[in-house]
Amino acid sequence: MTNPEENIKALGVHDGMVIADLGAGTGAYTLPLAEKVGESGRVYAVEVQKDFLTNIKDEATRRGLKNVELLWGNIENLGGTKIKDGACDAVIISNVLFQAEDKSGLLREASRILKVGGKLFLIDWADSFGNLGPTSKMVVTKDSARALCEEEGFVLKNEVPVGEHHYGLLLFKS
């Protein structure tokens, strides 16, 4: 599986950054990011399932993290995250693209909330792996994901090794 602690090193996270975790799920990225951006930074955990937000809130409280902002919203709709235009230095979308019904909508919202030159870190399943991952028809290949991102104005910086069953694309908003 992917290792969020290792993977976020590729983002070059530092104190004071503002980062959105779109489709935050259990907070696997939200929590380590919140520890890295420090008290002057902020991490938005955006999730449509309220139970996940409650779990992230409880864990952030347990760890003493006061820089996590929980947002209930639809990440596939323009404005659905409720985050201001250009507010983020980076956006992470991990294991979400394959599930998104409106993949372009998701990437458009990521672009809207990113500053120009901001980073998008897209991580997703490389294959179905005998249904360890999503069903074969739900898998979004690395090439398809890159093409979708480029259609929304993102430029590939590099590919990041993120685990044997996933691919990682680090892109910039141009």
Protein backbone atom coordinates (compact mmCIF):
# COMPACT_ATOMS: atom_id res chain seq x y z
CA MET A 1 0.00 0.00 0.00
CA THR A 2 1.02 3.63 -0.19
CA ASN A 3 2.86 5.30 2.68
CA PRO A 4 1.53 8.85 3.19
CA GLU A 5 4.48 9.88 5.41
CA GLU A 6 6.94 8.91 2.64
CA ASN A 7 4.81 10.21 -0.22
CA ILE A 8 4.35 13.73 1.12
CA LYS A 9 8.12 14.25 1.11
CA ALA A 10 7.75 14.70 -2.67
CA LEU A 11 5.57 17.78 -2.03
CA GLY A 12 8.30 19.64 -0.18
CA VAL A 13 5.94 20.53 2.66
CA HIS A 14 7.14 23.29 5.00
CA ASP A 15 5.85 25.48 7.82
CA GLY A 16 3.05 27.82 6.86
CA MET A 17 1.80 25.98 3.78
CA VAL A 18 -1.92 25.73 3.05
CA ILE A 19 -2.86 22.31 1.69
CA ALA A 20 -6.19 20.72 0.75
CA ASP A 21 -6.77 16.97 1.02
CA LEU A 22 -9.67 16.35 -1.36
CA GLY A 23 -11.56 13.21 -0.47
CA ALA A 24 -9.68 13.05 2.82
CA GLY A 25 -11.20 9.71 3.86
CA THR A 26 -9.65 8.53 7.12
CA GLY A 27 -7.15 11.40 7.21
CA ALA A 28 -4.15 9.30 6.15
CA TYR A 29 -2.70 12.40 4.44
CA THR A 30 -4.47 15.15 6.42
CA LEU A 31 -2.88 14.31 9.77
CA PRO A 32 0.79 13.95 8.72
CA LEU A 33 0.41 17.08 6.55
CA ALA A 34 -0.98 19.01 9.53
CA GLU A 35 2.07 17.99 11.58
CA LYS A 36 4.41 19.18 8.79
CA VAL A 37 2.82 22.58 8.02
CA GLY A 38 3.03 23.60 11.67
CA GLU A 39 0.89 26.03 13.63
CA SER A 40 1.19 28.73 10.96
CA GLY A 41 -0.05 26.37 8.24
CA ARG A 42 -3.44 24.90 7.54
CA VAL A 43 -4.79 21.66 6.11
CA TYR A 44 -8.30 21.48 4.72
CA ALA A 45 -9.78 17.98 4.96
CA VAL A 46 -12.64 17.91 2.44
CA GLU A 47 -14.92 14.91 2.53
CA VAL A 48 -18.51 14.12 1.57
CA GLN A 49 -18.91 11.40 4.24
CA LYS A 50 -19.47 13.08 7.60
CA ASP A 51 -18.35 10.01 9.60
CA PHE A 52 -14.86 10.35 8.14
CA LEU A 53 -14.72 14.02 9.15
CA THR A 54 -15.70 13.12 12.71
CA ASN A 55 -12.90 10.53 12.85
CA ILE A 56 -10.33 13.01 11.50
CA LYS A 57 -11.48 15.63 14.03
CA ASP A 58 -11.13 13.16 16.92
CA GLU A 59 -7.65 12.08 15.82
CA ALA A 60 -6.48 15.68 15.21
CA THR A 61 -7.70 16.61 18.71
CA ARG A 62 -5.95 13.57 20.19
CA ARG A 63 -2.69 14.68 18.53
CA GLY A 64 -3.17 18.31 19.58
CA LEU A 65 -3.42 19.58 16.00
CA LYS A 66 -5.29 22.88 15.75
CA ASN A 67 -4.54 23.59 12.08
CA VAL A 68 -6.95 21.09 10.49
CA GLU A 69 -10.11 22.56 9.01
CA LEU A 70 -12.86 20.04 8.29
CA LEU A 71 -15.05 20.79 5.30
CA TRP A 72 -18.07 18.79 4.28
CA GLY A 73 -18.46 19.23 0.56
CA ASN A 74 -18.66 17.78 -2.91
CA ILE A 75 -15.16 17.91 -4.39
CA GLU A 76 -16.47 17.30 -7.92
CA ASN A 77 -18.44 20.57 -8.08
CA LEU A 78 -16.91 23.96 -8.79
CA GLY A 79 -17.00 25.71 -5.43
CA GLY A 80 -17.97 22.45 -3.72
CA THR A 81 -15.03 22.54 -1.31
CA LYS A 82 -16.03 26.02 -0.02
CA ILE A 83 -12.33 26.99 -0.13
CA LYS A 84 -11.48 30.44 -1.57
CA ASP A 85 -10.00 30.75 -5.08
CA GLY A 86 -6.21 30.43 -5.08
CA ALA A 87 -6.05 29.76 -1.34
CA CYS A 88 -3.87 26.62 -1.46
CA ASP A 89 -0.18 25.99 -2.03
CA ALA A 90 -0.86 22.31 -2.69
CA VAL A 91 -3.72 19.85 -3.20
CA ILE A 92 -3.60 16.12 -2.63
CA ILE A 93 -6.04 13.76 -4.33
CA SER A 94 -5.27 10.22 -3.18
CA ASN A 95 -7.29 7.15 -4.21
CA VAL A 96 -10.19 9.38 -5.25
CA LEU A 97 -9.95 9.87 -9.02
CA PHE A 98 -11.09 6.32 -9.81
CA GLN A 99 -14.25 6.88 -7.71
CA ALA A 100 -15.10 10.34 -9.06
CA GLU A 101 -18.09 10.48 -11.36
CA ASP A 102 -17.01 13.88 -12.71
CA LYS A 103 -13.23 13.54 -12.96
CA SER A 104 -12.83 16.83 -14.85
CA GLY A 105 -15.01 18.57 -12.27
CA LEU A 106 -12.75 17.28 -9.50
CA LEU A 107 -9.62 18.55 -11.26
CA ARG A 108 -11.30 21.87 -12.10
CA GLU A 109 -12.09 22.40 -8.40
CA ALA A 110 -8.49 21.50 -7.47
CA SER A 111 -7.26 24.08 -9.99
CA ARG A 112 -9.67 26.74 -8.68
CA ILE A 113 -8.39 26.53 -5.10
CA LEU A 114 -4.69 26.33 -6.06
CA LYS A 115 -2.43 29.35 -6.43
CA VAL A 116 -0.73 29.72 -9.81
CA GLY A 117 2.38 27.55 -9.52
CA GLY A 118 0.68 25.50 -6.80
CA LYS A 119 1.20 21.74 -6.73
CA LEU A 120 -1.28 18.96 -7.36
CA PHE A 121 -0.23 15.56 -6.04
CA LEU A 122 -2.42 12.91 -7.65
CA ILE A 123 -2.15 9.34 -6.36
CA ASP A 124 -4.30 6.52 -7.63
CA TRP A 125 -4.49 2.80 -8.31
CA ALA A 126 -2.32 1.64 -11.22
CA ASP A 127 -4.46 -1.44 -11.85
CA SER A 128 -7.15 -3.63 -10.32
CA PHE A 129 -4.60 -6.20 -9.05
CA GLY A 130 -7.14 -9.02 -8.95
CA ASN A 131 -9.66 -6.71 -7.24
CA LEU A 132 -7.25 -5.69 -4.47
CA GLY A 133 -7.89 -2.25 -5.93
CA PRO A 134 -10.94 -0.95 -7.80
CA THR A 135 -12.64 -3.04 -10.46
CA SER A 136 -10.80 -3.03 -13.78
CA LYS A 137 -13.38 -0.77 -15.44
CA MET A 138 -13.01 1.85 -12.67
CA VAL A 139 -9.21 2.09 -12.89
CA VAL A 140 -7.92 5.37 -14.36
CA THR A 141 -4.56 4.64 -15.95
CA LYS A 142 -1.60 6.90 -15.29
CA ASP A 143 -1.67 8.13 -18.90
CA SER A 144 -5.41 8.87 -18.75
CA ALA A 145 -4.98 10.70 -15.44
CA ARG A 146 -2.14 12.78 -16.85
CA ALA A 147 -4.22 13.66 -19.93
CA LEU A 148 -7.19 14.70 -17.73
CA CYS A 149 -4.89 16.90 -15.64
CA GLU A 150 -3.30 18.50 -18.70
CA GLU A 151 -6.78 19.27 -20.11
CA GLU A 152 -7.39 21.30 -16.93
CA GLY A 153 -4.12 23.24 -17.36
CA PHE A 154 -1.81 21.24 -15.11
CA VAL A 155 1.78 20.58 -16.13
CA LEU A 156 3.56 17.39 -15.09
CA LYS A 157 6.65 18.01 -12.98
CA ASN A 158 7.48 14.38 -12.30
CA GLU A 159 6.24 10.94 -11.48
CA VAL A 160 6.67 9.91 -7.86
CA PRO A 161 7.03 6.29 -6.73
CA VAL A 162 4.21 5.91 -4.19
CA GLY A 163 3.92 2.16 -3.69
CA GLU A 164 3.76 -0.89 -5.91
CA HIS A 165 0.02 -0.75 -6.67
CA HIS A 166 -0.28 3.00 -7.25
CA TYR A 167 1.12 5.81 -9.38
CA GLY A 168 1.90 9.32 -8.24
CA LEU A 169 1.87 12.39 -10.45
CA LEU A 170 3.24 15.69 -9.17
CA LEU A 171 1.86 18.51 -11.31
CA PHE A 172 1.86 22.30 -11.27
CA LYS A 173 -0.97 24.70 -11.95
CA SER A 174 0.27 26.76 -14.87
